[in-house]
Amino acid sequence: MIAAAAGGTALALIAALYVWPRPAARSVLDINAPPAASEPAPADPATASCLPSGDGFLRARLDGALQLRLDWSNDGLQCEGMPRPEGKGIRMSFSRTLDADGRRLLIVFGIGGLSESSSGRALPANLTIVEEGGKQVFGTLGDDKCVVDNISQQLITPWRREARVYRVSGRGFCMQPARAVGGDAGVLMSSFDFAGQVRYEDLPAMAPTEHAP
């Protein structure tokens, strides 16, 4: 599982950590899956930007096995988001290159209690941290260790039944560390605030099944 993180298959690790069923459609967090013909190719990390408005960001304090003070601005930051299975909240990812060696850090928040366009306070959340170059994966394994204290969603694309994108901003903290997969080390994200995006899609209606007479 750790080797997969280095290759970029982050969603497979996250799904294994949280036993999330994968949707039939390609996940926006599945960074190894090839884009569909109608979708643009993934952005070059060197020229990526989180939000077209220029105001995407992630700020966070990490202590423990990773000692980092993140202050990621829009340029160079990749951010994506999607609903969690069965409408049970949202999933948001933020990733950026940390140093000249190309080491990247991927941070994923799973936030409960939200539906499209809704806002909330004191919402339960889980956290996954993938240090891709360092081959380390940390997860809180549940929604009871982090809290999103305040979160809101703002539509940033024309509303269309097939797809809508929202700017999602929030802040929060974790009371317990995310634990290493296969180890005892931990990373505590004692505070975080962010502005990223979540894409909502409505699957096309299925054609009626024809039955033989």
Protein backbone atom coordinates (compact mmCIF):
# COMPACT_ATOMS: atom_id res chain seq x y z
CA MET A 1 0.00 0.00 0.00
CA ILE A 2 2.82 2.44 0.80
CA ALA A 3 4.51 1.84 -2.53
CA ALA A 4 1.28 2.72 -4.24
CA ALA A 5 1.34 6.13 -2.59
CA ALA A 6 4.71 6.90 -4.13
CA GLY A 7 3.25 6.07 -7.55
CA GLY A 8 0.35 8.43 -6.95
CA THR A 9 -2.54 5.99 -6.42
CA ALA A 10 -3.81 8.02 -3.50
CA LEU A 11 -7.49 7.16 -3.75
CA ALA A 12 -6.79 3.42 -3.48
CA LEU A 13 -4.99 4.05 -0.19
CA ILE A 14 -7.68 6.36 1.10
CA ALA A 15 -10.41 3.89 0.19
CA ALA A 16 -8.52 1.15 2.02
CA LEU A 17 -8.14 3.35 5.08
CA TYR A 18 -11.81 4.29 5.33
CA VAL A 19 -13.44 1.35 3.55
CA TRP A 20 -15.17 3.76 1.17
CA PRO A 21 -17.00 2.22 -1.78
CA ARG A 22 -15.77 3.65 -5.07
CA PRO A 23 -18.35 5.29 -7.35
CA ALA A 24 -18.97 3.97 -10.83
CA ALA A 25 -17.78 7.23 -12.36
CA ARG A 26 -14.09 8.17 -12.29
CA SER A 27 -13.20 9.87 -9.03
CA VAL A 28 -11.73 13.36 -9.21
CA LEU A 29 -9.22 12.20 -6.62
CA ASP A 30 -8.06 9.18 -8.66
CA ILE A 31 -4.93 10.81 -10.03
CA ASN A 32 -3.77 7.68 -11.89
CA ALA A 33 -6.95 7.24 -13.97
CA PRO A 34 -6.72 8.57 -17.56
CA PRO A 35 -9.00 11.50 -18.37
CA ALA A 36 -12.13 10.85 -20.41
CA ALA A 37 -12.14 12.17 -23.96
CA SER A 38 -14.32 15.14 -22.97
CA GLU A 39 -12.11 16.13 -20.00
CA PRO A 40 -8.91 18.19 -20.06
CA ALA A 41 -5.64 16.45 -19.21
CA PRO A 42 -4.45 16.81 -15.58
CA ALA A 43 -2.63 20.06 -14.91
CA ASP A 44 1.15 20.16 -14.81
CA PRO A 45 1.99 20.51 -11.08
CA ALA A 46 4.45 23.27 -11.91
CA THR A 47 1.72 25.40 -13.50
CA ALA A 48 -1.32 24.19 -11.56
CA SER A 49 -3.74 26.52 -9.84
CA CYS A 50 -6.50 25.66 -7.41
CA LEU A 51 -9.28 28.11 -8.31
CA PRO A 52 -9.68 30.23 -11.47
CA SER A 53 -10.55 33.19 -9.21
CA GLY A 54 -7.04 33.00 -7.74
CA ASP A 55 -8.16 32.70 -4.11
CA GLY A 56 -7.66 29.01 -3.37
CA PHE A 57 -5.36 28.12 -0.47
CA LEU A 58 -4.52 25.72 2.34
CA ARG A 59 -2.92 26.73 5.62
CA ALA A 60 -2.20 24.14 8.29
CA ARG A 61 0.07 23.31 11.21
CA LEU A 62 1.47 19.77 11.33
CA ASP A 63 3.41 18.35 14.28
CA GLY A 64 4.80 14.92 15.06
CA ALA A 65 6.28 12.74 12.32
CA LEU A 66 5.87 15.67 9.90
CA GLN A 67 6.90 19.08 11.23
CA LEU A 68 5.43 21.51 8.73
CA ARG A 69 3.75 24.90 8.61
CA LEU A 70 1.83 24.91 5.34
CA ASP A 71 0.96 28.21 3.68
CA TRP A 72 -0.10 27.12 0.21
CA SER A 73 -1.46 29.83 -2.07
CA ASN A 74 -3.47 29.33 -5.23
CA ASP A 75 -0.65 29.12 -7.78
CA GLY A 76 1.05 25.72 -7.79
CA LEU A 77 -1.71 24.21 -5.65
CA GLN A 78 -3.83 21.38 -7.02
CA CYS A 79 -7.24 21.04 -5.38
CA GLU A 80 -10.19 18.82 -6.18
CA GLY A 81 -13.38 17.69 -4.49
CA MET A 82 -16.42 15.48 -4.82
CA PRO A 83 -19.36 14.22 -2.75
CA ARG A 84 -18.73 11.23 -0.52
CA PRO A 85 -20.67 8.05 -1.36
CA GLU A 86 -24.44 8.17 -0.77
CA GLY A 87 -24.33 11.92 -0.19
CA LYS A 88 -22.65 11.59 3.21
CA GLY A 89 -20.68 14.81 3.06
CA ILE A 90 -17.82 15.83 0.80
CA ARG A 91 -14.22 14.87 0.12
CA MET A 92 -11.60 17.55 -0.67
CA SER A 93 -7.97 17.16 -1.67
CA PHE A 94 -5.03 19.57 -1.74
CA SER A 95 -1.58 18.69 -3.09
CA ARG A 96 1.63 20.57 -3.75
CA THR A 97 5.32 19.95 -4.32
CA LEU A 98 7.25 20.53 -1.09
CA ASP A 99 10.84 20.90 -2.30
CA ALA A 100 13.20 20.89 -5.28
CA ASP A 101 13.43 17.09 -5.15
CA GLY A 102 9.82 16.85 -6.27
CA ARG A 103 8.50 15.48 -2.98
CA ARG A 104 4.73 16.06 -2.89
CA LEU A 105 2.26 16.15 -0.04
CA LEU A 106 -1.38 15.21 -0.55
CA ILE A 107 -3.95 16.14 2.10
CA VAL A 108 -7.52 14.86 1.95
CA PHE A 109 -10.40 15.95 4.18
CA GLY A 110 -13.57 13.89 4.43
CA ILE A 111 -16.25 16.17 5.89
CA GLY A 112 -19.59 14.83 7.09
CA GLY A 113 -22.98 16.51 7.35
CA LEU A 114 -22.86 18.54 4.11
CA SER A 115 -24.93 18.43 0.95
CA GLU A 116 -24.71 20.55 -2.18
CA SER A 117 -24.69 24.32 -1.45
CA SER A 118 -25.12 23.80 2.31
CA SER A 119 -23.00 25.33 5.07
CA GLY A 120 -22.29 24.14 8.59
CA ARG A 121 -20.46 24.42 11.89
CA ALA A 122 -18.79 21.84 14.14
CA LEU A 123 -18.93 19.12 11.49
CA PRO A 124 -17.10 15.80 11.97
CA ALA A 125 -14.19 15.16 9.63
CA ASN A 126 -11.45 12.67 8.86
CA LEU A 127 -7.98 13.39 7.56
CA THR A 128 -5.56 11.53 5.30
CA ILE A 129 -2.00 12.72 4.65
CA VAL A 130 0.09 11.12 1.91
CA GLU A 131 3.77 12.06 1.63
CA GLU A 132 4.25 10.66 -1.86
CA GLY A 133 8.03 10.92 -2.21
CA GLY A 134 8.65 9.80 1.37
CA LYS A 135 6.28 6.83 1.04
CA GLN A 136 4.35 7.68 4.21
CA VAL A 137 0.59 7.56 4.70
CA PHE A 138 -1.26 8.81 7.79
CA GLY A 139 -4.99 8.58 8.51
CA THR A 140 -7.34 9.35 11.38
CA LEU A 141 -9.51 6.30 10.59
CA GLY A 142 -12.81 7.88 11.53
CA ASP A 143 -14.76 11.13 11.70
CA ASP A 144 -14.35 11.60 15.47
CA LYS A 145 -10.83 13.06 15.61
CA CYS A 146 -11.18 16.28 13.57
CA VAL A 147 -13.78 19.04 13.42
CA VAL A 148 -14.54 21.59 10.71
CA ASP A 149 -15.62 24.56 12.76
CA ASN A 150 -17.10 26.62 9.94
CA ILE A 151 -17.65 25.83 6.24
CA SER A 152 -19.56 27.40 3.35
CA GLN A 153 -20.08 26.75 -0.38
CA GLN A 154 -20.41 29.27 -3.21
CA LEU A 155 -21.36 28.32 -6.77
CA ILE A 156 -18.59 29.38 -9.19
CA THR A 157 -19.85 27.87 -12.47
CA PRO A 158 -23.22 28.16 -14.20
CA TRP A 159 -25.70 25.76 -12.63
CA ARG A 160 -26.17 22.77 -14.89
CA ARG A 161 -27.83 19.51 -14.08
CA GLU A 162 -24.89 17.46 -15.35
CA ALA A 163 -22.17 19.29 -13.35
CA ARG A 164 -21.69 22.22 -10.95
CA VAL A 165 -18.55 23.46 -9.20
CA TYR A 166 -18.55 25.26 -5.84
CA ARG A 167 -15.84 27.17 -4.02
CA VAL A 168 -15.75 25.61 -0.55
CA SER A 169 -14.04 27.39 2.32
CA GLY A 170 -13.68 26.35 5.93
CA ARG A 171 -11.49 26.05 8.97
CA GLY A 172 -11.04 23.54 11.76
CA PHE A 173 -8.73 21.46 13.92
CA CYS A 174 -7.91 17.89 14.94
CA MET A 175 -7.93 16.67 18.52
CA GLN A 176 -5.99 13.46 17.81
CA PRO A 177 -3.21 12.64 15.35
CA ALA A 178 -3.48 10.84 12.05
CA ARG A 179 -1.67 7.52 12.51
CA ALA A 180 0.85 5.98 10.12
CA VAL A 181 -0.27 2.99 8.10
CA GLY A 182 1.68 0.01 9.40
CA GLY A 183 3.45 1.98 12.13
CA ASP A 184 3.16 3.91 15.38
CA ALA A 185 4.12 7.39 14.16
CA GLY A 186 1.51 10.13 14.05
CA VAL A 187 0.88 13.60 12.64
CA LEU A 188 -1.32 16.10 14.48
CA MET A 189 -2.93 18.81 12.34
CA SER A 190 -3.79 21.14 15.20
CA SER A 191 -5.29 23.80 12.93
CA PHE A 192 -6.22 24.23 9.28
CA ASP A 193 -8.15 26.54 7.00
CA PHE A 194 -8.73 26.22 3.29
CA ALA A 195 -10.56 27.32 0.16
CA GLY A 196 -10.89 24.72 -2.58
CA GLN A 197 -13.51 23.27 -4.86
CA VAL A 198 -16.11 20.52 -4.98
CA ARG A 199 -17.69 19.26 -8.18
CA TYR A 200 -21.20 17.82 -8.05
CA GLU A 201 -22.45 15.67 -10.90
CA ASP A 202 -25.82 14.12 -11.69
CA LEU A 203 -25.51 10.78 -13.43
CA PRO A 204 -27.55 10.46 -16.62
CA ALA A 205 -30.80 8.55 -16.32
CA MET A 206 -30.49 4.89 -17.25
CA ALA A 207 -32.44 3.64 -20.24
CA PRO A 208 -35.35 1.35 -19.28
CA THR A 209 -34.47 -2.31 -19.37
CA GLU A 210 -36.13 -4.22 -22.16
CA HIS A 211 -37.71 -7.50 -21.18
CA ALA A 212 -38.23 -10.34 -23.56
CA PRO A 213 -41.92 -11.15 -24.14
